[in-house]
C-alpha atoms as a PDB file:
ATOM      1  CA  MET A   1      25.444 -10.169 -13.783  1.00  0.00           C
ATOM      2  CA  GLU A   2      27.943  -8.365 -16.031  1.00  0.00           C
ATOM      3  CA  VAL A   3      31.436  -7.617 -14.881  1.00  0.00           C
ATOM      4  CA  ALA A   4      32.624  -4.108 -15.578  1.00  0.00           C
ATOM      5  CA  THR A   5      36.211  -3.269 -16.422  1.00  0.00           C
ATOM      6  CA  ALA A   6      38.264  -0.489 -14.959  1.00  0.00           C
ATOM      7  CA  GLU A   7      39.000   0.801 -18.447  1.00  0.00           C
ATOM      8  CA  THR A   8      35.372   1.298 -19.472  1.00  0.00           C
ATOM      9  CA  GLY A   9      34.179   2.566 -16.079  1.00  0.00           C
ATOM     10  CA  GLN A  10      30.835   0.850 -16.585  1.00  0.00           C
ATOM     11  CA  LYS A  11      28.705  -0.205 -13.633  1.00  0.00           C
ATOM     12  CA  LEU A  12      27.959  -3.772 -12.824  1.00  0.00           C
ATOM     13  CA  GLU A  13      24.472  -5.007 -13.703  1.00  0.00           C
ATOM     14  CA  CYS A  14      22.342  -6.780 -11.125  1.00  0.00           C
ATOM     15  CA  ASP A  15      18.772  -7.931 -10.385  1.00  0.00           C
ATOM     16  CA  LEU A  16      17.102  -6.742  -7.215  1.00  0.00           C
ATOM     17  CA  VAL A  17      14.233  -8.353  -5.221  1.00  0.00           C
ATOM     18  CA  MET A  18      12.916  -6.792  -1.979  1.00  0.00           C
ATOM     19  CA  ARG A  19      10.734  -8.476   0.606  1.00  0.00           C
ATOM     20  CA  GLY A  20       7.821  -6.793   2.346  1.00  0.00           C
ATOM     21  CA  GLY A  21       7.590  -5.148   5.742  1.00  0.00           C
ATOM     22  CA  ILE A  22       5.769  -2.123   7.107  1.00  0.00           C
ATOM     23  CA  THR A  23       8.753   0.227   7.275  1.00  0.00           C
ATOM     24  CA  SER A  24      11.026  -1.632   4.865  1.00  0.00           C
ATOM     25  CA  GLY A  25       9.983   0.639   2.017  1.00  0.00           C
ATOM     26  CA  ILE A  26      11.689   3.536   3.815  1.00  0.00           C
ATOM     27  CA  VAL A  27      14.762   1.637   4.896  1.00  0.00           C
ATOM     28  CA  TYR A  28      15.329   0.333   1.398  1.00  0.00           C
ATOM     29  CA  THR A  29      15.856   3.740  -0.118  1.00  0.00           C
ATOM     30  CA  CYS A  30      19.318   4.300   1.498  1.00  0.00           C
ATOM     31  CA  ALA A  31      20.359   0.740   0.721  1.00  0.00           C
ATOM     32  CA  ILE A  32      19.279   1.190  -2.910  1.00  0.00           C
ATOM     33  CA  ALA A  33      21.204   4.461  -3.118  1.00  0.00           C
ATOM     34  CA  LYS A  34      24.330   2.656  -1.869  1.00  0.00           C
ATOM     35  CA  LEU A  35      23.928  -0.211  -4.353  1.00  0.00           C
ATOM     36  CA  ALA A  36      23.401   2.300  -7.178  1.00  0.00           C
ATOM     37  CA  GLU A  37      26.952   3.543  -6.691  1.00  0.00           C
ATOM     38  CA  THR A  38      28.213   0.209  -8.046  1.00  0.00           C
ATOM     39  CA  TYR A  39      25.332  -1.404  -9.861  1.00  0.00           C
ATOM     40  CA  ARG A  40      22.942  -0.678 -12.688  1.00  0.00           C
ATOM     41  CA  PHE A  41      19.576  -2.240 -11.962  1.00  0.00           C
ATOM     42  CA  ARG A  42      17.936  -4.413 -14.678  1.00  0.00           C
ATOM     43  CA  SER A  43      15.283  -6.793 -13.314  1.00  0.00           C
ATOM     44  CA  ILE A  44      13.550  -5.450 -10.220  1.00  0.00           C
ATOM     45  CA  GLY A  45      10.822  -7.023  -8.070  1.00  0.00           C
ATOM     46  CA  GLY A  46       9.345  -6.998  -4.556  1.00  0.00           C
ATOM     47  CA  THR A  47       6.337  -7.800  -2.381  1.00  0.00           C
ATOM     48  CA  SER A  48       4.131  -5.425  -0.362  1.00  0.00           C
ATOM     49  CA  ALA A  49       6.271  -2.481   0.810  1.00  0.00           C
ATOM     50  CA  GLY A  50       9.133  -4.040  -1.166  1.00  0.00           C
ATOM     51  CA  ALA A  51       7.010  -3.784  -4.313  1.00  0.00           C
ATOM     52  CA  VAL A  52       6.609  -0.031  -3.720  1.00  0.00           C
ATOM     53  CA  ALA A  53      10.384   0.258  -3.318  1.00  0.00           C
ATOM     54  CA  ALA A  54      10.866  -1.822  -6.464  1.00  0.00           C
ATOM     55  CA  ALA A  55       8.566   0.548  -8.431  1.00  0.00           C
ATOM     56  CA  ALA A  56      10.504   3.558  -7.153  1.00  0.00           C
ATOM     57  CA  THR A  57      13.802   1.859  -8.053  1.00  0.00           C
ATOM     58  CA  ALA A  58      12.608   1.123 -11.567  1.00  0.00           C
ATOM     59  CA  ALA A  59      11.525   4.740 -11.990  1.00  0.00           C
ATOM     60  CA  GLY A  60      14.894   5.847 -10.597  1.00  0.00           C
ATOM     61  CA  ALA A  61      16.675   3.670 -13.108  1.00  0.00           C
ATOM     62  CA  LEU A  62      14.614   5.324 -15.834  1.00  0.00           C
ATOM     63  CA  GLY A  63      15.762   8.675 -14.476  1.00  0.00           C
ATOM     64  CA  VAL A  64      19.398   7.559 -14.702  1.00  0.00           C
ATOM     65  CA  ARG A  65      18.780   6.643 -18.328  1.00  0.00           C
ATOM     66  CA  GLU A  66      17.374  10.088 -18.904  1.00  0.00           C
ATOM     67  CA  GLY A  67      20.520  11.717 -17.511  1.00  0.00           C
ATOM     68  CA  LYS A  68      19.445  12.276 -13.883  1.00  0.00           C
ATOM     69  CA  ASP A  69      20.786  10.492 -10.811  1.00  0.00           C
ATOM     70  CA  PRO A  70      17.926  10.294  -8.243  1.00  0.00           C
ATOM     71  CA  PHE A  71      19.651   7.539  -6.280  1.00  0.00           C
ATOM     72  CA  GLN A  72      22.268   9.978  -4.940  1.00  0.00           C
ATOM     73  CA  GLY A  73      19.614  12.683  -4.593  1.00  0.00           C
ATOM     74  CA  ARG A  74      16.118  12.081  -3.430  1.00  0.00           C
ATOM     75  CA  PHE A  75      16.609   8.433  -2.509  1.00  0.00           C
ATOM     76  CA  LYS A  76      19.191   9.391   0.141  1.00  0.00           C
ATOM     77  CA  THR A  77      17.102  12.159   1.596  1.00  0.00           C
ATOM     78  CA  LEU A  78      13.731  10.355   1.511  1.00  0.00           C
ATOM     79  CA  PRO A  79      13.855   9.085   5.142  1.00  0.00           C
ATOM     80  CA  LYS A  80      14.513  12.679   6.356  1.00  0.00           C
ATOM     81  CA  GLU A  81      11.738  13.950   4.117  1.00  0.00           C
ATOM     82  CA  LEU A  82       9.214  11.535   5.631  1.00  0.00           C
ATOM     83  CA  ALA A  83      10.469  12.235   9.174  1.00  0.00           C
ATOM     84  CA  LYS A  84      10.004  15.985   8.845  1.00  0.00           C
ATOM     85  CA  GLU A  85       7.433  17.243  11.397  1.00  0.00           C
ATOM     86  CA  ILE A  86       4.674  19.677  10.421  1.00  0.00           C
ATOM     87  CA  ASP A  87       2.424  20.784  13.259  1.00  0.00           C
ATOM     88  CA  LYS A  88       3.591  17.903  15.468  1.00  0.00           C
ATOM     89  CA  LYS A  89       2.898  15.308  12.846  1.00  0.00           C
ATOM     90  CA  THR A  90       5.504  13.753  10.486  1.00  0.00           C
ATOM     91  CA  VAL A  91       5.037  13.637   6.728  1.00  0.00           C
ATOM     92  CA  LEU A  92       4.823   9.845   7.020  1.00  0.00           C
ATOM     93  CA  GLU A  93       1.796  10.203   9.314  1.00  0.00           C
ATOM     94  CA  ARG A  94       0.203  12.852   7.089  1.00  0.00           C
ATOM     95  CA  VAL A  95       0.269  10.787   3.873  1.00  0.00           C
ATOM     96  CA  PHE A  96      -2.189   8.386   5.500  1.00  0.00           C
ATOM     97  CA  GLN A  97      -5.316  10.484   5.387  1.00  0.00           C
ATOM     98  CA  PRO A  98      -8.571   8.929   6.581  1.00  0.00           C
ATOM     99  CA  ALA A  99     -11.795   9.153   4.605  1.00  0.00           C
ATOM    100  CA  LYS A 100     -14.475  11.633   5.701  1.00  0.00           C
ATOM    101  CA  GLY A 101     -16.242  10.494   8.828  1.00  0.00           C
ATOM    102  CA  LEU A 102     -13.458   8.099   9.878  1.00  0.00           C
ATOM    103  CA  GLU A 103     -10.973  10.658  11.243  1.00  0.00           C
ATOM    104  CA  ARG A 104     -11.833   9.855  14.894  1.00  0.00           C
ATOM    105  CA  LEU A 105     -11.399   6.105  14.396  1.00  0.00           C
ATOM    106  CA  PHE A 106      -8.095   6.576  12.636  1.00  0.00           C
ATOM    107  CA  ALA A 107      -6.797   8.877  15.391  1.00  0.00           C
ATOM    108  CA  VAL A 108      -7.584   6.249  18.070  1.00  0.00           C
ATOM    109  CA  LEU A 109      -5.882   3.494  16.086  1.00  0.00           C
ATOM    110  CA  LEU A 110      -2.866   5.760  15.523  1.00  0.00           C
ATOM    111  CA  ALA A 111      -2.571   6.301  19.272  1.00  0.00           C
ATOM    112  CA  GLY A 112      -2.102   2.564  19.716  1.00  0.00           C
ATOM    113  CA  VAL A 113       0.939   2.244  17.392  1.00  0.00           C
ATOM    114  CA  GLN A 114       3.148   4.720  19.207  1.00  0.00           C
ATOM    115  CA  ARG A 115       6.520   3.467  20.516  1.00  0.00           C
ATOM    116  CA  MET A 116       5.996   3.369  24.318  1.00  0.00           C
ATOM    117  CA  SER A 117       5.460   0.929  27.136  1.00  0.00           C
ATOM    118  CA  PHE A 118       2.263  -1.117  27.242  1.00  0.00           C
ATOM    119  CA  GLY A 119       0.813   0.824  30.147  1.00  0.00           C
ATOM    120  CA  ARG A 120       1.458   4.198  28.506  1.00  0.00           C
ATOM    121  CA  LYS A 121       0.077   2.861  25.222  1.00  0.00           C
ATOM    122  CA  VAL A 122      -3.214   1.803  26.908  1.00  0.00           C
ATOM    123  CA  ALA A 123      -3.474   5.213  28.558  1.00  0.00           C
ATOM    124  CA  SER A 124      -2.749   6.980  25.257  1.00  0.00           C
ATOM    125  CA  VAL A 125      -5.522   4.974  23.488  1.00  0.00           C
ATOM    126  CA  LEU A 126      -8.064   5.696  26.334  1.00  0.00           C
ATOM    127  CA  VAL A 127      -7.250   9.438  26.300  1.00  0.00           C
ATOM    128  CA  SER A 128      -7.489   9.574  22.496  1.00  0.00           C
ATOM    129  CA  LEU A 129     -10.768   7.690  22.621  1.00  0.00           C
ATOM    130  CA  CYS A 130     -12.372  10.062  25.028  1.00  0.00           C
ATOM    131  CA  ARG A 131     -10.899  13.173  23.384  1.00  0.00           C
ATOM    132  CA  HIS A 132     -12.158  12.305  19.850  1.00  0.00           C
ATOM    133  CA  TYR A 133     -15.491  10.833  20.979  1.00  0.00           C
ATOM    134  CA  TRP A 134     -15.975  13.482  23.655  1.00  0.00           C
ATOM    135  CA  LEU A 135     -19.730  13.791  23.132  1.00  0.00           C
ATOM    136  CA  TYR A 136     -20.268  10.056  23.697  1.00  0.00           C
ATOM    137  CA  ALA A 137     -17.887  10.209  26.697  1.00  0.00           C
ATOM    138  CA  ALA A 138     -19.881  13.144  28.173  1.00  0.00           C
ATOM    139  CA  VAL A 139     -23.095  11.231  27.851  1.00  0.00           C
ATOM    140  CA  GLY A 140     -21.587   8.198  29.477  1.00  0.00           C
ATOM    141  CA  ALA A 141     -20.269  10.308  32.396  1.00  0.00           C
ATOM    142  CA  ALA A 142     -23.607  12.053  32.732  1.00  0.00           C
ATOM    143  CA  ILE A 143     -25.343   8.719  33.369  1.00  0.00           C
ATOM    144  CA  VAL A 144     -23.388   8.509  36.648  1.00  0.00           C
ATOM    145  CA  ALA A 145     -23.099  12.222  37.450  1.00  0.00           C
ATOM    146  CA  ILE A 146     -26.729  13.227  37.138  1.00  0.00           C
ATOM    147  CA  PRO A 147     -28.043  10.783  39.716  1.00  0.00           C
ATOM    148  CA  LEU A 148     -25.235  11.839  41.990  1.00  0.00           C
ATOM    149  CA  ILE A 149     -26.134  15.536  41.697  1.00  0.00           C
ATOM    150  CA  LEU A 150     -29.846  14.805  42.224  1.00  0.00           C
ATOM    151  CA  ALA A 151     -29.027  12.773  45.353  1.00  0.00           C
ATOM    152  CA  ALA A 152     -26.910  15.635  46.760  1.00  0.00           C
ATOM    153  CA  TRP A 153     -29.728  18.101  46.069  1.00  0.00           C
ATOM    154  CA  TRP A 154     -32.332  15.794  47.615  1.00  0.00           C
ATOM    155  CA  LEU A 155     -30.321  15.227  50.743  1.00  0.00           C
ATOM    156  CA  VAL A 156     -29.326  18.911  50.954  1.00  0.00           C
ATOM    157  CA  LEU A 157     -25.685  18.100  51.272  1.00  0.00           C
ATOM    158  CA  GLY A 158     -23.110  20.829  51.759  1.00  0.00           C
ATOM    159  CA  TRP A 159     -20.295  21.469  49.313  1.00  0.00           C
ATOM    160  CA  ALA A 160     -17.794  19.519  51.454  1.00  0.00           C
ATOM    161  CA  ALA A 161     -20.050  16.459  51.609  1.00  0.00           C
ATOM    162  CA  PHE A 162     -20.811  16.717  47.932  1.00  0.00           C
ATOM    163  CA  ALA A 163     -17.094  16.909  47.051  1.00  0.00           C
ATOM    164  CA  GLY A 164     -16.389  13.832  49.219  1.00  0.00           C
ATOM    165  CA  LEU A 165     -19.210  11.925  47.526  1.00  0.00           C
ATOM    166  CA  LEU A 166     -17.896  13.026  44.107  1.00  0.00           C
ATOM    167  CA  ALA A 167     -14.430  11.767  44.975  1.00  0.00           C
ATOM    168  CA  LEU A 168     -15.865   8.344  45.744  1.00  0.00           C
ATOM    169  CA  GLU A 169     -17.547   8.277  42.367  1.00  0.00           C
ATOM    170  CA  VAL A 170     -14.488   9.256  40.279  1.00  0.00           C
ATOM    171  CA  LEU A 171     -13.772   5.726  39.122  1.00  0.00           C
ATOM    172  CA  PRO A 172     -17.392   5.003  38.045  1.00  0.00           C
ATOM    173  CA  LEU A 173     -17.419   8.404  36.252  1.00  0.00           C
ATOM    174  CA  VAL A 174     -14.238   7.527  34.331  1.00  0.00           C
ATOM    175  CA  LEU A 175     -15.428   4.073  33.437  1.00  0.00           C
ATOM    176  CA  SER A 176     -18.796   5.413  32.260  1.00  0.00           C
ATOM    177  CA  ALA A 177     -17.025   8.021  30.106  1.00  0.00           C
ATOM    178  CA  VAL A 178     -14.764   5.388  28.516  1.00  0.00           C
ATOM    179  CA  LEU A 179     -17.726   3.070  27.869  1.00  0.00           C
ATOM    180  CA  GLY A 180     -19.656   5.950  26.274  1.00  0.00           C
ATOM    181  CA  ALA A 181     -16.717   6.805  23.999  1.00  0.00           C
ATOM    182  CA  ALA A 182     -16.352   3.070  23.132  1.00  0.00           C
ATOM    183  CA  ASN A 183     -20.002   3.109  21.956  1.00  0.00           C
ATOM    184  CA  GLY A 184     -19.175   5.953  19.624  1.00  0.00           C
ATOM    185  CA  LEU A 185     -16.205   4.033  18.238  1.00  0.00           C
ATOM    186  CA  LEU A 186     -18.364   0.936  17.860  1.00  0.00           C
ATOM    187  CA  PHE A 187     -20.924   3.031  15.890  1.00  0.00           C
ATOM    188  CA  ASP A 188     -18.196   4.066  13.403  1.00  0.00           C
ATOM    189  CA  VAL A 189     -16.961   0.508  13.014  1.00  0.00           C
ATOM    190  CA  LEU A 190     -20.427  -0.930  12.442  1.00  0.00           C
ATOM    191  CA  PHE A 191     -21.956   1.747  10.222  1.00  0.00           C
ATOM    192  CA  ARG A 192     -19.411   4.180   8.791  1.00  0.00           C
ATOM    193  CA  LEU A 193     -16.580   1.731   8.109  1.00  0.00           C
ATOM    194  CA  PRO A 194     -18.646  -0.581   5.862  1.00  0.00           C
ATOM    195  CA  LYS A 195     -19.720   2.447   3.784  1.00  0.00           C
ATOM    196  CA  ASN A 196     -16.023   2.931   2.987  1.00  0.00           C
ATOM    197  CA  ASP A 197     -15.588  -0.730   1.962  1.00  0.00           C
ATOM    198  CA  PHE A 198     -14.026  -1.481   5.366  1.00  0.00           C
ATOM    199  CA  GLY A 199     -11.035   0.748   4.671  1.00  0.00           C
ATOM    200  CA  ILE A 200     -10.061   3.788   6.726  1.00  0.00           C
ATOM    201  CA  CYS A 201      -7.645   5.481   4.294  1.00  0.00           C
ATOM    202  CA  THR A 202      -8.509   5.407   0.587  1.00  0.00           C
ATOM    203  CA  GLY A 203      -4.988   6.490  -0.336  1.00  0.00           C
ATOM    204  CA  SER A 204      -6.210   9.370  -2.445  1.00  0.00           C
ATOM    205  CA  GLY A 205      -8.584  12.326  -2.353  1.00  0.00           C
ATOM    206  CA  PRO A 206     -12.386  12.254  -2.674  1.00  0.00           C
ATOM    207  CA  VAL A 207     -13.940  10.857  -5.814  1.00  0.00           C
ATOM    208  CA  ASP A 208     -15.756  14.112  -6.560  1.00  0.00           C
ATOM    209  CA  PRO A 209     -13.515  16.901  -5.272  1.00  0.00           C
ATOM    210  CA  PRO A 210     -14.977  20.389  -5.134  1.00  0.00           C
ATOM    211  CA  ASN A 211     -12.128  21.697  -7.261  1.00  0.00           C
ATOM    212  CA  PRO A 212     -10.668  19.058  -9.624  1.00  0.00           C
ATOM    213  CA  ASP A 213      -7.825  21.345 -10.662  1.00  0.00           C
ATOM    214  CA  VAL A 214      -6.419  21.444  -7.168  1.00  0.00           C
ATOM    215  CA  PRO A 215      -4.509  18.255  -6.163  1.00  0.00           C
ATOM    216  CA  PRO A 216      -5.745  16.560  -2.941  1.00  0.00           C
ATOM    217  CA  GLN A 217      -3.794  17.493   0.157  1.00  0.00           C
ATOM    218  CA  ASP A 218      -4.284  18.050   3.896  1.00  0.00           C
ATOM    219  CA  ASP A 219      -4.157  21.330   5.800  1.00  0.00           C
ATOM    220  CA  ALA A 220      -0.335  21.217   5.806  1.00  0.00           C
ATOM    221  CA  GLY A 221      -0.141  20.743   2.028  1.00  0.00           C
ATOM    222  CA  VAL A 222       0.860  17.070   2.144  1.00  0.00           C
ATOM    223  CA  PRO A 223      -0.876  14.892  -0.519  1.00  0.00           C
ATOM    224  CA  PRO A 224      -2.321  11.440   0.377  1.00  0.00           C
ATOM    225  CA  LEU A 225      -0.253   8.318  -0.114  1.00  0.00           C
ATOM    226  CA  THR A 226      -1.149   7.455  -3.729  1.00  0.00           C
ATOM    227  CA  ASP A 227      -0.661  10.998  -4.956  1.00  0.00           C
ATOM    228  CA  TRP A 228       2.516  11.287  -2.995  1.00  0.00           C
ATOM    229  CA  LEU A 229       3.892   8.082  -4.544  1.00  0.00           C
ATOM    230  CA  HIS A 230       2.871   9.298  -8.025  1.00  0.00           C
ATOM    231  CA  GLU A 231       4.831  12.499  -7.491  1.00  0.00           C
ATOM    232  CA  LEU A 232       7.803  10.496  -6.173  1.00  0.00           C
ATOM    233  CA  PHE A 233       7.847   8.067  -9.120  1.00  0.00           C
ATOM    234  CA  GLN A 234       7.557  10.914 -11.616  1.00  0.00           C
ATOM    235  CA  SER A 235      10.235  12.911  -9.860  1.00  0.00           C
ATOM    236  CA  VAL A 236      12.872  10.204  -9.744  1.00  0.00           C
ATOM    237  CA  ALA A 237      12.077   9.330 -13.376  1.00  0.00           C
ATOM    238  CA  ALA A 238      12.997  12.868 -14.404  1.00  0.00           C
ATOM    239  CA  ARG A 239       9.340  13.841 -15.044  1.00  0.00           C
ATOM    240  CA  THR A 240       6.758  16.125 -13.575  1.00  0.00           C
ATOM    241  CA  ILE A 241       3.261  15.255 -12.346  1.00  0.00           C
ATOM    242  CA  LYS A 242       1.855  16.971 -15.428  1.00  0.00           C
ATOM    243  CA  ASP A 243       3.760  14.551 -17.711  1.00  0.00           C
ATOM    244  CA  ASP A 244       2.394  11.169 -18.715  1.00  0.00           C
ATOM    245  CA  PRO A 245       2.768   8.554 -15.974  1.00  0.00           C
ATOM    246  CA  VAL A 246       5.733   6.161 -16.205  1.00  0.00           C
ATOM    247  CA  THR A 247       4.666   2.949 -17.863  1.00  0.00           C
ATOM    248  CA  PHE A 248       6.231  -0.490 -18.435  1.00  0.00           C
ATOM    249  CA  GLY A 249       6.816   0.556 -22.023  1.00  0.00           C
ATOM    250  CA  HIS A 250       9.014   3.445 -20.857  1.00  0.00           C
ATOM    251  CA  LEU A 251      11.006   1.137 -18.644  1.00  0.00           C
ATOM    252  CA  TRP A 252      11.528  -1.485 -21.316  1.00  0.00           C
ATOM    253  CA  GLY A 253      12.807   1.043 -23.852  1.00  0.00           C
ATOM    254  CA  THR A 254      11.388  -0.974 -26.782  1.00  0.00           C
ATOM    255  CA  ASP A 255       8.097  -1.837 -28.374  1.00  0.00           C
ATOM    256  CA  ASP A 256       9.380  -5.215 -29.519  1.00  0.00           C
ATOM    257  CA  GLU A 257       7.803  -7.931 -27.354  1.00  0.00           C
ATOM    258  CA  LEU A 258      10.716 -10.341 -27.899  1.00  0.00           C
ATOM    259  CA  ALA A 259      13.539  -7.797 -27.568  1.00  0.00           C
ATOM    260  CA  GLU A 260      15.739  -7.568 -24.427  1.00  0.00           C
ATOM    261  CA  ARG A 261      14.346  -5.085 -21.977  1.00  0.00           C
ATOM    262  CA  ASP A 262      16.409  -2.287 -20.560  1.00  0.00           C
ATOM    263  CA  ILE A 263      14.613  -2.175 -17.207  1.00  0.00           C
ATOM    264  CA  ASP A 264      12.244  -4.953 -16.178  1.00  0.00           C
ATOM    265  CA  LEU A 265       9.791  -4.645 -13.258  1.00  0.00           C
ATOM    266  CA  VAL A 266       8.364  -8.110 -12.474  1.00  0.00           C
ATOM    267  CA  PRO A 267       6.028  -9.611  -9.882  1.00  0.00           C
ATOM    268  CA  THR A 268       8.158 -11.743  -7.538  1.00  0.00           C
ATOM    269  CA  ARG A 269       5.740 -14.683  -7.367  1.00  0.00           C
ATOM    270  CA  PHE A 270       6.027 -15.217 -11.145  1.00  0.00           C
ATOM    271  CA  ALA A 271       9.570 -13.932 -11.581  1.00  0.00           C
ATOM    272  CA  PRO A 272      10.667 -17.168 -13.390  1.00  0.00           C
ATOM    273  CA  LEU A 273       7.924 -16.586 -15.993  1.00  0.00           C
ATOM    274  CA  SER A 274       8.399 -14.591 -19.103  1.00  0.00           C
ATOM    275  CA  LEU A 275       5.806 -11.808 -19.053  1.00  0.00           C
ATOM    276  CA  ARG A 276       5.635 -10.078 -22.395  1.00  0.00           C
ATOM    277  CA  ARG A 277       3.346  -7.100 -22.578  1.00  0.00           C
ATOM    278  CA  LYS A 278       2.785  -4.120 -24.852  1.00  0.00           C
ATOM    279  CA  ARG A 279       1.564  -0.784 -23.564  1.00  0.00           C
ATOM    280  CA  VAL A 280      -1.849  -1.581 -25.049  1.00  0.00           C
ATOM    281  CA  GLY A 281      -3.059  -5.123 -25.734  1.00  0.00           C
ATOM    282  CA  ALA A 282      -3.458  -8.461 -24.073  1.00  0.00           C
ATOM    283  CA  ALA A 283      -0.843  -9.894 -21.753  1.00  0.00           C
ATOM    284  CA  LEU A 284       0.807 -13.015 -23.164  1.00  0.00           C
ATOM    285  CA  LEU A 285       2.425 -15.556 -20.895  1.00  0.00           C
ATOM    286  CA  GLN A 286       4.550 -18.326 -22.283  1.00  0.00           C
ATOM    287  CA  ARG A 287       2.537 -21.574 -21.956  1.00  0.00           C
ATOM    288  CA  VAL A 288       5.403 -23.923 -21.385  1.00  0.00           C
ATOM    289  CA  ARG A 289       6.950 -21.902 -18.569  1.00  0.00           C
ATOM    290  CA  ILE A 290       3.532 -21.500 -16.873  1.00  0.00           C
ATOM    291  CA  ARG A 291       3.067 -25.230 -16.864  1.00  0.00           C
ATOM    292  CA  GLU A 292       6.538 -25.786 -15.452  1.00  0.00           C
ATOM    293  CA  ALA A 293       5.953 -23.244 -12.677  1.00  0.00           C
ATOM    294  CA  LEU A 294       2.497 -24.642 -11.735  1.00  0.00           C
ATOM    295  CA  SER A 295       3.818 -28.195 -11.798  1.00  0.00           C
ATOM    296  CA  ALA A 296       6.669 -27.227  -9.530  1.00  0.00           C
ATOM    297  CA  GLU A 297       4.261 -25.712  -7.029  1.00  0.00           C
ATOM    298  CA  SER A 298       1.930 -28.773  -7.027  1.00  0.00           C
ATOM    299  CA  GLY A 299       4.753 -31.320  -6.954  1.00  0.00           C
ATOM    300  CA  ARG A 300       3.555 -33.008 -10.152  1.00  0.00           C
ATOM    301  CA  MET A 301       5.089 -33.392 -13.544  1.00  0.00           C
ATOM    302  CA  PRO A 302       3.550 -31.418 -16.439  1.00  0.00           C
ATOM    303  CA  GLY A 303       0.546 -33.260 -17.786  1.00  0.00           C
ATOM    304  CA  GLN A 304       0.221 -35.525 -14.722  1.00  0.00           C
ATOM    305  CA  SER A 305      -3.187 -35.778 -13.067  1.00  0.00           C
ATOM    306  CA  GLY A 306      -3.579 -35.463  -9.314  1.00  0.00           C
ATOM    307  CA  THR A 307      -5.176 -38.884  -8.614  1.00  0.00           C
ATOM    308  CA  ASN A 308      -5.625 -40.839 -11.835  1.00  0.00           C
ATOM    309  CA  PRO A 309      -2.843 -40.194 -14.386  1.00  0.00           C
ATOM    310  CA  GLY A 310      -4.010 -40.831 -17.882  1.00  0.00           C
ATOM    311  CA  GLY A 311      -7.632 -41.152 -16.712  1.00  0.00           C
ATOM    312  CA  GLU A 312     -10.802 -39.501 -17.903  1.00  0.00           C
ATOM    313  CA  GLY A 313     -10.064 -36.190 -16.161  1.00  0.00           C
ATOM    314  CA  GLU A 314      -6.640 -35.894 -17.799  1.00  0.00           C
ATOM    315  CA  ALA A 315      -8.143 -36.669 -21.176  1.00  0.00           C
ATOM    316  CA  ARG A 316     -10.754 -33.904 -20.695  1.00  0.00           C
ATOM    317  CA  ARG A 317      -7.993 -31.484 -19.697  1.00  0.00           C
ATOM    318  CA  GLY A 318      -5.960 -32.576 -22.745  1.00  0.00           C
ATOM    319  CA  LYS A 319      -8.894 -31.694 -25.006  1.00  0.00           C
ATOM    320  CA  GLN A 320      -9.216 -28.296 -23.310  1.00  0.00           C
ATOM    321  CA  ARG A 321      -5.529 -27.624 -23.928  1.00  0.00           C
ATOM    322  CA  GLU A 322      -5.866 -28.668 -27.570  1.00  0.00           C
ATOM    323  CA  GLY A 323      -8.720 -26.183 -27.917  1.00  0.00           C
ATOM    324  CA  ALA A 324      -6.611 -23.444 -26.439  1.00  0.00           C
ATOM    325  CA  ASP A 325      -3.771 -24.391 -28.791  1.00  0.00           C
ATOM    326  CA  GLU A 326      -6.068 -23.899 -31.764  1.00  0.00           C
ATOM    327  CA  GLN A 327      -7.501 -20.619 -30.470  1.00  0.00           C
ATOM    328  CA  PHE A 328      -4.263 -18.807 -29.496  1.00  0.00           C
ATOM    329  CA  PRO A 329      -0.970 -18.513 -31.251  1.00  0.00           C
ATOM    330  CA  ASP A 330       1.829 -20.802 -30.069  1.00  0.00           C
ATOM    331  CA  PRO A 331       3.657 -20.554 -27.646  1.00  0.00           C
ATOM    332  CA  PHE A 332       1.486 -18.074 -25.714  1.00  0.00           C
ATOM    333  CA  PHE A 333      -1.583 -18.012 -23.541  1.00  0.00           C
ATOM    334  CA  ARG A 334      -3.773 -14.947 -23.774  1.00  0.00           C
ATOM    335  CA  CYS A 335      -4.644 -13.475 -20.364  1.00  0.00           C
ATOM    336  CA  ALA A 336      -7.186 -10.870 -19.382  1.00  0.00           C
ATOM    337  CA  ASP A 337      -5.742  -7.389 -19.810  1.00  0.00           C
ATOM    338  CA  PRO A 338      -6.601  -5.133 -16.870  1.00  0.00           C
ATOM    339  CA  PHE A 339      -6.146  -2.024 -19.025  1.00  0.00           C
ATOM    340  CA  ALA A 340      -8.381  -3.102 -21.911  1.00  0.00           C
ATOM    341  CA  SER A 341     -12.010  -1.955 -21.905  1.00  0.00           C
ATOM    342  CA  ASP A 342     -13.262  -4.820 -24.069  1.00  0.00           C
ATOM    343  CA  LEU A 343     -11.045  -7.780 -24.990  1.00  0.00           C
ATOM    344  CA  ARG A 344     -13.604  -9.051 -27.470  1.00  0.00           C
ATOM    345  CA  ASN A 345     -12.887  -6.197 -29.801  1.00  0.00           C
ATOM    346  CA  GLN A 346      -9.098  -6.887 -29.800  1.00  0.00           C
ATOM    347  CA  SER A 347      -7.398  -8.879 -32.515  1.00  0.00           C
ATOM    348  CA  ARG A 348      -6.146 -12.327 -31.537  1.00  0.00           C
ATOM    349  CA  ALA A 349      -3.298 -12.178 -33.924  1.00  0.00           C
END
């Protein structure tokens, strides 16, 4: 961390790592806005929802470098933006948009995460189940109701007697309706959910939209989560959604692999490692630091075998490492590049 002086008026520099948590990504924004009043963020990392907040923070730091201050703008207002209600649903609810055919299943699951007592939550789930799978519920109720009506007709019961008989059968009718609706939910779980790779919300619009020029959004004009995050990152980075997406190269502020980076977004599990990456090309990880990290996790010294130090297995691994040393330039390992279409056509220099 760098100490700023009162004369220069410069902000302190700090690294920031955020842990995961379902709603932490929303809570973090106000905390980040407060920290940004004093600090300039350099190395930023996080896990799960914290990783999303870290990406937004890195984009915001880029926006500050471009002359905009999103930390005192959109970061502060983001919780209110997500809590805004549109047709009785908040924006936070609307960004999670289920895939086609799984809307009913998603609605039932959503009814079970409301903040209420256990009894009210069970009632909410059952009502949502019967309401969204009403046809299955009607069939289930009919299984009990039809024999009851036939019996009343056969016995020539009056309306009063029939109403009394119906009152006695209310509980079986309700149970049959719930069981019928549960069969509809089970059908979606067993047949429709696997077709969507066992995910309910894809995070974006359909693969083949009817109008590719129109961004995906629901009936209230709210885009799905991935598209909403893209707009957020572009906005805080002083860009529009029509501009090129923010990349690591933009954050680093340099094309030199060995130069000091202006803003560094790193995975928290490998934060001690030096990850050097160009916008296009293979990722290169420093070999020595990888060995140190892996040895620290396994509790062994670098080069030490698990059961027989210096044995045949270690000799074989030593030959493999020597082969890697000859193939790749020291002191780097070459790792698969997720953005490269064919690594075999890339230069190994």
